[in-house]
Structures are given as C-alpha cells and as structure tokens.
Amino acid sequence: MNVTIEKLVYGGDGLARVAGDDGRNKTLFVPFTLPGEDVLVTNVREKKGFGRAELRSVLAPSAARVDPGCPYFFRCGGCHYQHAAYPLQLESKRGILREALNRGAKLDWPGEIIAHAAEPWHYRNRTRMHVRGSGADFRMGYYRHGSHELLAIERCPISSHLINRAISVIGELGRDAAMAPAISEIEYFANGEDSQLLLELYLSAPMDAALRKQLDDFARQMEAALPEFLGAAAFATGDFSNTALWQWGASHLDYRTGGHSYRVSAGSFFQVNRFLTAQMISLACAGQNGRRALDLFAGTGLFTLELAKAFNKVIAVESAPASFADLVHNAPSNVKPRNATTEQYLQSAADLECDLVLVDPPRAGLGPRVTDQLGKMRIERLAYVSCDPTTLARDLHSLLTSGFQVTEIHLLDLFPQTFHVETLVHLSR
C-alpha cells in the first residue's frame, strides 16, 4: 500500500490517512517516516479506529531525511527520530506539544512555544541496559523496536563518552565470564563533567554469599579497567523502594550544574541531559522570588537549591527514600524537606500561602486530586515541569478551570533523537 505521511505524532510514528472499508478516512501509523513522504507500507494491522503498518520503502523522501548516527537505528527501540534532521525534530515536537495542549487542555495558545536545544548526541548522563548470559553467551543492550527481544549493542551515540567507555569495559568483562549471571539490568550514571561513574545493578536472584562474592569480583575488575568508576550498588529488580542489597565503593557522586553541587546517590532520580540541566533550572526559577516557595516532587533538590537563593523559605516535598536522603543533605538552612507524597503533603497544607509552587511530576503527571488541591490553595504563581504532553494537557485543563492563566511555554529538548518532550509552563493568577 502506498501512503503519504502528514505529520509526526507523539510516540514517534508518522501519521497517514487511508480510506477504510466503509469509505471513511482511517488513521494509519507508520514508524521511521517523515512529513510529506510517499512511502510503501506492509503488514497493516487493523485496530479499532486506526491501523499500524511497517515501512517497506520510501518512494519520495523528505529533504529533511538524513542518515542515522547509530548503526542500530531502525532495529533498536531506544530512538525514534535519527532519520530526521535535528531542526525538523524540534519543529515536530513543538507541533505535537501545541496540538496536545489544544486538544487536552482546550488551550489555543496564541504565543510562541520557545524551544531550547543543545548538543543532540552524547547528551545522556544516565543509561539503562538489559543484560543476558555470561561468557560466550553474554549480551547487553536495548529491546528491539516494537518487541521485548534483546538487541545486543556495543555503543550508544546518545549516551555520554564515559558511559560508552563503560559499556565497552563491561562488554569485555561479560564475555570473559566476569559478570554475575543474576544481573538482569545495568544503569550507568555519569556526573556533569563526564569524569565519574556510578553503576546500579538490578538482580533477578536473591542475594546470598556466592552472589555477593561475584559482585565483589566484578567491582574489583571495574576499578582496574576504568579509573573513573566510583562505585556500584545492587537492587532487586522491581523493588521501587530502591533499597540497596550490596554496595561497593562510593555510594554517590557529586553532580555540579547551574552553579550548585548535588549529592546524587545510586537509586536517586536526576535529570538525564547533561547539556541542558543548568538552563532548565534557570528557566524554571529565574525572576521568581518572595517569602515562600513550595517545591513538589523535589527529587534530590534540582530546583530547590536555586529557589532557596530567592525565597525566604522553601518547602521541598519528596517521597522516594534515596532521593529524600540526598535532598536533606543538599538543602541549605532555609529549606524544609518533607518526606511525603505530594498528595499526602497537600492534604495537610490546605491553608498554606505560597508565592510560587514548582511541580516536576513523573510521566503520570499530577492527577485530578493534586490539581484540585492546588486549585484551592492561595498560590500566586505555578511552574509546571512535564515529561509527557498528554498528562500535562490534562492537568492544565484542571488548573486553568481553577483560575490559573498560562504566561509562558518552553519546550526543552532533553531527549534528542527520541519522541519524548519536556515542557516548562509558567502560570499565574
């Protein structure tokens, strides 16, 4: 079947419209395509109201089509846009965000969505890979596109140079049977200067003396092979409390960005783009000041430390144990850390008056209970940092209904070569 791609949509696919059996147009999603391209598709899978297809060949390529920067692209499920010139990636994300806000928030934003970008390669300071086997059977990599089948890789061009060196070292150790078979995933975390590395190991078997010895041996060999290796921690796969079962060397690294130094421990959350984090802090906090600020989903204090410079008092709320411990360590004296979920905290703070509330929720967004609580509070300004335009739009609809007005929208391209969109929205009332 020949189709013409209209646009890129959230999720990374191109969208085409084809005539259905009833004569009405039907939406068809095709990966690895670009707007305006005529393509030949195959293996069309009918769904209720739409269809999915595989790209067989590009009949009329877009002028923005480029050669991918990674040999695994088209097979690996980690990236979606490497076939698109970077300016088109940015413009497509801007359009996707505008459409999401229009549809989900009923916000027909008349102003500019200001895009912020940096180096589109080697930007990731944190990379997580699946691990299988040992010795001659050792494989480490990502899932193949559209499946849970492991694709073994030897390098990742969107990850930092130090992480790629560590991938090479661990590949050699794995092939030499120096890896514990119980390791099912490895997460690499490098500091802002790309000069220090922590490893998080996720285990598919319970800890015992034999496994502890295997992990100790592995860590010793990592120290010998990679001087930048600081330490490692092991966690049970699926344990969202991130309680370390084993520890080697340093338990944290010092991450410097935006004029601040953050202790970030193994198991703690931190933003992944080492080039744009400082600008993100500045855009969220610049020009903000007053008596009290409330930082929700504060993590290790990424925004908290900057807010503490401009507000008399900052309340920083974080529920994850590892991140909260780092938040307490990082926070200056005018910050009051609170170990609670955002919903739990807001239930006890209905009468709190704030000059600014900053929220940086996970992909699921705030949800109706939190937006309802925020809508009832006496808040002058709100800054919303989002990693998902769909849940952002849903939450904004509720906040706008409660009297907030949008004053600025920023798109921060923290995830080049992928469909992911990071957004900063400033609101006031």
Protein backbone atom coordinates (compact mmCIF):
# COMPACT_ATOMS: atom_id res chain seq x y z
CA MET A 1 0.00 0.00 0.00
CA ASN A 2 1.29 3.50 -0.88
CA VAL A 3 0.51 6.29 1.59
CA THR A 4 1.56 9.91 2.19
CA ILE A 5 2.72 10.92 5.68
CA GLU A 6 1.02 14.05 7.03
CA LYS A 7 2.93 14.64 10.28
CA LEU A 8 4.80 13.06 13.18
CA VAL A 9 2.78 12.20 16.28
CA TYR A 10 3.64 11.62 19.93
CA GLY A 11 5.19 8.17 20.14
CA GLY A 12 7.48 8.65 17.15
CA ASP A 13 5.34 7.40 14.26
CA GLY A 14 4.30 9.20 11.12
CA LEU A 15 0.57 9.62 10.52
CA ALA A 16 -1.18 8.91 7.23
CA ARG A 17 -4.86 8.71 6.32
CA VAL A 18 -6.25 5.91 4.17
CA ALA A 19 -9.73 5.04 3.00
CA GLY A 20 -11.39 2.41 5.15
CA ASP A 21 -13.78 -0.31 4.00
CA ASP A 22 -16.68 2.00 4.83
CA GLY A 23 -15.26 4.75 2.61
CA ARG A 24 -14.27 6.95 5.54
CA ASN A 25 -10.69 8.01 6.21
CA LYS A 26 -8.79 5.92 8.71
CA THR A 27 -5.61 6.89 10.56
CA LEU A 28 -2.53 4.77 9.89
CA PHE A 29 0.66 4.98 11.99
CA VAL A 30 3.98 4.21 10.31
CA PRO A 31 7.36 4.34 12.14
CA PHE A 32 10.56 5.83 10.67
CA THR A 33 8.75 8.17 8.28
CA LEU A 34 8.68 11.95 7.88
CA PRO A 35 6.05 14.55 6.95
CA GLY A 36 5.39 14.80 3.21
CA GLU A 37 6.97 11.45 2.33
CA ASP A 38 5.33 8.96 -0.02
CA VAL A 39 6.05 5.52 1.38
CA LEU A 40 5.24 1.90 0.69
CA VAL A 41 3.94 0.10 3.78
CA THR A 42 3.24 -3.52 4.54
CA ASN A 43 1.88 -5.73 7.31
CA VAL A 44 -1.01 -3.39 8.11
CA ARG A 45 -2.57 -4.36 11.44
CA GLU A 46 -6.13 -3.16 11.88
CA LYS A 47 -7.13 -1.73 15.24
CA LYS A 48 -10.39 -0.17 16.37
CA GLY A 49 -10.45 3.22 14.68
CA PHE A 50 -6.85 3.12 13.38
CA GLY A 51 -4.16 0.90 11.98
CA ARG A 52 -0.41 0.28 12.31
CA ALA A 53 1.93 -0.62 9.48
CA GLU A 54 5.59 -1.33 8.81
CA LEU A 55 7.69 0.78 6.47
CA ARG A 56 8.85 -1.18 3.44
CA SER A 57 10.43 1.59 1.37
CA VAL A 58 10.47 5.37 0.97
CA LEU A 59 9.23 6.27 -2.51
CA ALA A 60 9.66 10.06 -2.23
CA PRO A 61 11.93 11.03 0.68
CA SER A 62 11.70 14.28 2.60
CA ALA A 63 14.52 16.80 2.17
CA ALA A 64 14.91 16.52 5.95
CA ARG A 65 15.68 12.79 5.84
CA VAL A 66 19.27 12.07 6.97
CA ASP A 67 21.44 9.03 7.57
CA PRO A 68 21.09 7.83 11.20
CA GLY A 69 24.02 8.47 13.51
CA CYS A 70 23.80 5.00 15.05
CA PRO A 71 24.28 1.60 13.37
CA TYR A 72 21.47 0.10 15.46
CA PHE A 73 18.79 2.59 14.46
CA PHE A 74 15.67 1.08 12.80
CA ARG A 75 16.30 -2.06 14.90
CA CYS A 76 16.74 -0.55 18.39
CA GLY A 77 13.67 0.69 20.26
CA GLY A 78 15.54 3.44 22.12
CA CYS A 79 15.46 6.16 19.43
CA HIS A 80 12.75 7.23 17.00
CA TYR A 81 13.97 10.31 15.08
CA GLN A 82 17.55 9.66 13.96
CA HIS A 83 16.37 9.66 10.34
CA ALA A 84 15.18 13.28 10.75
CA ALA A 85 17.38 16.38 10.57
CA TYR A 86 17.52 17.95 14.01
CA PRO A 87 15.62 21.18 13.08
CA LEU A 88 12.69 19.01 11.93
CA GLN A 89 12.80 17.07 15.21
CA LEU A 90 12.42 20.31 17.16
CA GLU A 91 9.68 21.72 14.94
CA SER A 92 7.74 18.45 15.05
CA LYS A 93 7.90 18.34 18.84
CA ARG A 94 6.68 21.92 19.00
CA GLY A 95 3.71 20.99 16.82
CA ILE A 96 2.98 17.86 18.87
CA LEU A 97 3.03 19.90 22.08
CA ARG A 98 0.79 22.64 20.68
CA GLU A 99 -1.72 20.07 19.43
CA ALA A 100 -1.73 18.22 22.77
CA LEU A 101 -2.43 21.43 24.67
CA ASN A 102 -5.17 22.40 22.25
CA ARG A 103 -6.86 19.01 22.44
CA GLY A 104 -6.36 18.11 26.10
CA ALA A 105 -6.25 21.47 27.86
CA LYS A 106 -8.53 23.36 25.43
CA LEU A 107 -5.66 25.86 25.30
CA ASP A 108 -5.33 27.64 21.98
CA TRP A 109 -2.00 29.21 22.91
CA PRO A 110 -1.50 32.37 20.81
CA GLY A 111 2.11 32.94 21.81
CA GLU A 112 5.36 31.27 20.93
CA ILE A 113 6.39 27.90 22.31
CA ILE A 114 10.04 28.69 22.99
CA ALA A 115 12.30 25.76 22.10
CA HIS A 116 15.64 25.19 23.85
CA ALA A 117 18.16 22.74 22.44
CA ALA A 118 21.78 21.74 22.93
CA GLU A 119 24.15 19.10 21.51
CA PRO A 120 21.87 16.31 20.17
CA TRP A 121 24.43 13.49 20.64
CA HIS A 122 26.22 12.06 23.70
CA TYR A 123 23.87 14.02 25.97
CA ARG A 124 22.67 11.27 28.30
CA ASN A 125 24.30 11.07 31.72
CA ARG A 126 22.15 8.06 32.67
CA THR A 127 21.61 4.94 30.55
CA ARG A 128 19.96 1.64 31.47
CA MET A 129 20.54 -1.60 29.59
CA HIS A 130 19.31 -5.17 29.77
CA VAL A 131 21.83 -7.95 30.39
CA ARG A 132 21.62 -11.61 29.45
CA GLY A 133 24.01 -14.53 29.79
CA SER A 134 27.72 -14.75 30.53
CA GLY A 135 30.86 -15.73 28.68
CA ALA A 136 30.29 -16.52 25.00
CA ASP A 137 26.53 -16.03 25.52
CA PHE A 138 26.86 -12.55 27.08
CA ARG A 139 24.62 -9.86 25.59
CA MET A 140 23.87 -6.31 26.75
CA GLY A 141 21.62 -3.77 25.08
CA TYR A 142 18.12 -2.47 24.49
CA TYR A 143 14.89 -4.07 23.34
CA ARG A 144 14.33 -4.21 19.60
CA HIS A 145 11.80 -1.79 18.15
CA GLY A 146 8.27 -2.93 18.98
CA SER A 147 9.31 -6.02 20.95
CA HIS A 148 10.86 -7.36 24.15
CA GLU A 149 13.61 -9.16 22.25
CA LEU A 150 17.08 -8.04 23.31
CA LEU A 151 19.27 -6.30 20.74
CA ALA A 152 22.93 -6.51 21.76
CA ILE A 153 24.87 -3.29 21.24
CA GLU A 154 28.47 -2.18 21.69
CA ARG A 155 27.93 1.61 21.82
CA CYS A 156 25.16 4.17 22.22
CA PRO A 157 25.71 7.55 20.49
CA ILE A 158 23.17 9.41 22.63
CA SER A 159 24.97 8.37 25.84
CA SER A 160 28.00 10.23 27.19
CA HIS A 161 31.53 9.31 26.15
CA LEU A 162 32.32 7.92 29.62
CA ILE A 163 29.21 5.75 29.58
CA ASN A 164 30.27 4.39 26.21
CA ARG A 165 33.70 3.54 27.58
CA ALA A 166 32.00 1.74 30.48
CA ILE A 167 29.76 -0.16 28.05
CA SER A 168 32.90 -1.38 26.26
CA VAL A 169 34.59 -2.42 29.52
CA ILE A 170 31.54 -4.30 30.79
CA GLY A 171 31.14 -5.99 27.41
CA GLU A 172 34.66 -7.36 27.74
CA LEU A 173 34.08 -8.44 31.36
CA GLY A 174 30.84 -10.16 30.39
CA ARG A 175 32.48 -12.07 27.55
CA ASP A 176 35.23 -13.08 29.98
CA ALA A 177 32.53 -14.55 32.27
CA ALA A 178 33.30 -11.94 34.96
CA MET A 179 29.65 -10.85 35.25
CA ALA A 180 27.28 -12.31 37.80
CA PRO A 181 24.53 -14.16 35.87
CA ALA A 182 21.96 -12.72 38.31
CA ILE A 183 22.47 -9.20 36.89
CA SER A 184 19.47 -8.53 34.63
CA GLU A 185 19.94 -4.77 34.10
CA ILE A 186 22.73 -2.21 34.47
CA GLU A 187 22.21 1.52 34.83
CA TYR A 188 25.17 3.81 34.15
CA PHE A 189 25.22 7.28 35.77
CA ALA A 190 27.93 9.84 34.96
CA ASN A 191 28.45 13.26 36.55
CA GLY A 192 28.11 16.55 34.71
CA GLU A 193 31.78 16.70 33.70
CA ASP A 194 31.64 13.08 32.48
CA SER A 195 34.53 12.27 34.80
CA GLN A 196 32.91 10.00 37.41
CA LEU A 197 30.68 6.96 37.07
CA LEU A 198 28.28 5.05 39.32
CA LEU A 199 26.66 1.74 38.41
CA GLU A 200 23.28 0.48 39.53
CA LEU A 201 22.90 -3.29 39.12
CA TYR A 202 19.44 -4.88 39.11
CA LEU A 203 19.28 -8.51 40.20
CA SER A 204 16.95 -11.31 39.14
CA ALA A 205 18.00 -13.59 42.03
CA PRO A 206 18.11 -13.13 45.83
CA MET A 207 21.34 -12.02 47.46
CA ASP A 208 23.48 -14.74 49.00
CA ALA A 209 27.16 -15.23 49.81
CA ALA A 210 28.02 -16.60 46.35
CA LEU A 211 26.34 -13.69 44.56
CA ARG A 212 27.99 -11.18 46.88
CA LYS A 213 31.41 -12.63 46.01
CA GLN A 214 30.62 -12.46 42.28
CA LEU A 215 29.62 -8.79 42.62
CA ASP A 216 32.77 -8.01 44.63
CA ASP A 217 34.94 -9.62 41.96
CA PHE A 218 33.15 -7.70 39.22
CA ALA A 219 33.62 -4.37 41.06
CA ARG A 220 37.35 -5.01 41.54
CA GLN A 221 37.78 -5.63 37.83
CA MET A 222 35.79 -2.48 37.01
CA GLU A 223 38.10 -0.45 39.25
CA ALA A 224 41.14 -1.85 37.48
CA ALA A 225 39.76 -1.27 33.98
CA LEU A 226 38.04 2.13 34.36
CA PRO A 227 39.66 4.75 36.65
CA GLU A 228 36.50 6.92 36.57
CA PHE A 229 34.45 4.15 38.22
CA LEU A 230 33.50 5.34 41.73
CA GLY A 231 31.22 2.61 42.99
CA ALA A 232 28.21 0.39 42.48
CA ALA A 233 25.03 -0.68 44.24
CA ALA A 234 22.75 -3.64 43.62
CA PHE A 235 18.96 -3.63 43.88
CA ALA A 236 16.25 -6.24 43.46
CA THR A 237 14.52 -5.93 40.10
CA GLY A 238 11.11 -4.37 40.63
CA ASP A 239 11.87 -3.04 44.12
CA PHE A 240 10.71 0.54 43.78
CA SER A 241 11.96 1.44 47.26
CA ASN A 242 15.50 1.22 45.79
CA THR A 243 16.91 -0.40 48.92
CA ALA A 244 20.50 -1.43 48.15
CA LEU A 245 21.28 -5.11 48.74
CA TRP A 246 25.00 -4.67 48.09
CA GLN A 247 27.34 -1.72 47.91
CA TRP A 248 30.86 -1.21 46.60
CA GLY A 249 32.99 1.94 46.81
CA ALA A 250 31.27 5.32 46.78
CA SER A 251 27.51 5.35 47.28
CA HIS A 252 27.05 8.65 45.45
CA LEU A 253 28.64 11.14 43.10
CA ASP A 254 28.72 14.93 43.21
CA TYR A 255 26.86 16.43 40.27
CA ARG A 256 27.67 20.09 39.54
CA THR A 257 25.31 22.10 37.38
CA GLY A 258 23.67 25.51 37.39
CA GLY A 259 26.10 26.85 39.98
CA HIS A 260 25.18 24.15 42.52
CA SER A 261 26.66 20.86 43.68
CA TYR A 262 24.26 17.98 44.30
CA ARG A 263 24.91 14.72 46.08
CA VAL A 264 23.18 12.08 43.96
CA SER A 265 23.18 8.55 45.33
CA ALA A 266 22.70 5.29 43.50
CA GLY A 267 18.94 4.83 43.25
CA SER A 268 18.14 8.57 43.27
CA PHE A 269 16.49 10.38 40.38
CA PHE A 270 18.32 13.08 38.42
CA GLN A 271 17.73 14.68 35.02
CA VAL A 272 19.45 12.84 32.17
CA ASN A 273 20.55 15.64 29.81
CA ARG A 274 23.97 16.87 30.90
CA PHE A 275 23.91 19.84 28.48
CA LEU A 276 20.51 21.39 29.26
CA THR A 277 20.02 20.85 33.01
CA ALA A 278 21.53 24.20 34.01
CA GLN A 279 19.35 26.07 31.53
CA MET A 280 16.32 24.15 32.76
CA ILE A 281 16.98 25.28 36.34
CA SER A 282 17.38 28.89 35.20
CA LEU A 283 14.21 28.92 33.08
CA ALA A 284 12.13 27.46 35.89
CA CYS A 285 13.44 29.73 38.64
CA ALA A 286 14.65 32.98 37.01
CA GLY A 287 12.75 36.04 38.17
CA GLN A 288 10.98 34.11 40.90
CA ASN A 289 11.22 35.46 44.46
CA GLY A 290 9.17 36.01 47.58
CA ARG A 291 8.55 34.78 51.10
CA ARG A 292 7.71 31.11 50.50
CA ALA A 293 8.10 28.61 47.67
CA LEU A 294 6.82 25.04 47.55
CA ASP A 295 8.83 22.50 45.52
CA LEU A 296 6.80 19.35 44.85
CA PHE A 297 8.40 16.13 43.56
CA ALA A 298 11.67 17.78 44.60
CA GLY A 299 13.95 14.79 43.99
CA THR A 300 17.49 15.50 45.18
CA GLY A 301 16.77 19.24 45.15
CA LEU A 302 17.43 20.14 41.50
CA PHE A 303 15.24 23.27 41.66
CA THR A 304 15.20 23.58 45.46
CA LEU A 305 18.73 24.94 45.73
CA GLU A 306 18.10 27.70 43.20
CA LEU A 307 14.77 28.62 44.79
CA ALA A 308 16.47 28.87 48.18
CA LYS A 309 18.54 31.78 46.85
CA ALA A 310 15.44 33.86 46.07
CA PHE A 311 12.87 32.89 48.72
CA ASN A 312 12.96 33.32 52.49
CA LYS A 313 11.71 29.75 52.93
CA VAL A 314 11.36 26.74 50.63
CA ILE A 315 9.38 23.62 51.45
CA ALA A 316 10.66 20.67 49.39
CA VAL A 317 8.50 17.53 49.21
CA GLU A 318 9.86 14.16 48.07
CA SER A 319 8.62 10.62 48.75
CA ALA A 320 11.39 8.34 47.40
CA PRO A 321 13.75 7.37 50.27
CA ALA A 322 17.05 7.63 48.35
CA SER A 323 16.19 10.95 46.72
CA PHE A 324 14.88 12.35 50.00
CA ALA A 325 18.12 11.47 51.83
CA ASP A 326 20.06 13.35 49.14
CA LEU A 327 17.61 16.26 49.37
CA VAL A 328 18.22 16.57 53.10
CA HIS A 329 21.97 16.54 52.51
CA ASN A 330 21.83 19.09 49.68
CA ALA A 331 19.34 21.52 51.19
CA PRO A 332 20.53 24.85 52.72
CA SER A 333 19.23 26.05 56.06
CA ASN A 334 16.17 27.90 54.73
CA VAL A 335 14.80 24.72 53.11
CA LYS A 336 12.41 22.45 54.99
CA PRO A 337 12.46 18.95 53.42
CA ARG A 338 9.28 16.89 53.83
CA ASN A 339 9.25 13.12 53.24
CA ALA A 340 5.77 12.52 51.83
CA THR A 341 3.93 12.07 48.59
CA THR A 342 2.69 15.29 47.04
CA GLU A 343 -0.91 14.31 47.64
CA GLN A 344 -0.25 13.48 51.30
CA TYR A 345 1.52 16.75 51.88
CA LEU A 346 -1.09 18.93 50.18
CA GLN A 347 -3.86 17.34 52.24
CA SER A 348 -2.17 18.76 55.35
CA ALA A 349 -1.30 22.12 53.77
CA ALA A 350 -4.63 23.42 52.50
CA ASP A 351 -4.17 26.78 54.25
CA LEU A 352 -0.57 27.25 53.12
CA GLU A 353 0.11 30.51 51.25
CA CYS A 354 2.83 30.37 48.60
CA ASP A 355 4.29 32.91 46.23
CA LEU A 356 5.38 30.05 43.97
CA VAL A 357 4.68 26.34 43.62
CA LEU A 358 7.02 24.36 41.36
CA VAL A 359 5.97 20.85 40.30
CA ASP A 360 8.07 18.28 38.43
CA PRO A 361 5.96 15.09 38.45
CA PRO A 362 6.76 11.76 36.78
CA ARG A 363 5.23 10.79 33.45
CA ALA A 364 1.82 10.14 35.05
CA GLY A 365 1.51 13.84 35.84
CA LEU A 366 -0.24 15.39 38.83
CA GLY A 367 -3.65 13.76 38.54
CA PRO A 368 -7.05 15.19 39.50
CA ARG A 369 -6.61 15.10 43.27
CA VAL A 370 -3.40 17.13 43.24
CA THR A 371 -4.63 19.66 40.66
CA ASP A 372 -7.84 20.07 42.68
CA GLN A 373 -5.83 20.71 45.86
CA LEU A 374 -3.57 23.20 44.09
CA GLY A 375 -6.57 24.97 42.61
CA LYS A 376 -7.97 25.60 46.08
CA MET A 377 -4.73 26.93 47.59
CA ARG A 378 -3.66 30.57 47.74
CA ILE A 379 -0.91 30.46 45.12
CA GLU A 380 0.28 33.40 43.07
CA ARG A 381 2.49 31.57 40.56
CA LEU A 382 2.97 27.98 39.45
CA ALA A 383 5.77 26.45 37.37
CA TYR A 384 4.97 23.05 35.86
CA VAL A 385 7.83 20.89 34.51
CA SER A 386 6.45 17.99 32.50
CA CYS A 387 7.89 15.00 30.63
CA ASP A 388 4.60 13.99 28.99
CA PRO A 389 2.46 16.42 26.93
CA THR A 390 -0.69 14.31 27.29
CA THR A 391 -0.77 14.30 31.08
CA LEU A 392 0.42 17.91 31.10
CA ALA A 393 -2.57 18.92 28.98
CA ARG A 394 -4.96 17.01 31.24
CA ASP A 395 -3.58 18.72 34.35
CA LEU A 396 -3.51 22.17 32.74
CA HIS A 397 -7.18 21.87 31.87
CA SER A 398 -7.96 21.47 35.58
CA LEU A 399 -5.60 24.27 36.64
CA LEU A 400 -6.99 26.68 34.06
CA THR A 401 -10.51 25.89 35.24
CA SER A 402 -9.49 26.86 38.79
CA GLY A 403 -8.35 30.32 37.69
CA PHE A 404 -4.72 29.95 36.59
CA GLN A 405 -3.57 31.52 33.35
CA VAL A 406 -0.62 30.43 31.23
CA THR A 407 2.07 33.10 30.83
CA GLU A 408 4.95 31.19 29.16
CA ILE A 409 5.53 27.82 27.49
CA HIS A 410 9.03 26.42 26.96
CA LEU A 411 9.99 23.22 25.16
CA LEU A 412 13.28 21.82 26.47
CA ASP A 413 14.63 19.12 24.18
CA LEU A 414 16.16 16.92 26.85
CA PHE A 415 15.77 13.80 24.68
CA PRO A 416 17.03 14.42 21.11
CA GLN A 417 16.59 11.56 18.61
CA THR A 418 13.53 10.34 20.58
CA PHE A 419 9.85 11.35 20.64
CA HIS A 420 9.97 12.43 24.30
CA VAL A 421 9.02 16.04 25.05
CA GLU A 422 9.99 18.03 28.15
CA THR A 423 7.91 21.14 28.80
CA LEU A 424 8.03 24.05 31.24
CA VAL A 425 4.82 26.03 31.68
CA HIS A 426 4.61 29.17 33.81
CA LEU A 427 1.17 30.06 35.19
CA SER A 428 -0.18 32.82 37.42
CA ARG A 429 -3.46 34.10 38.79
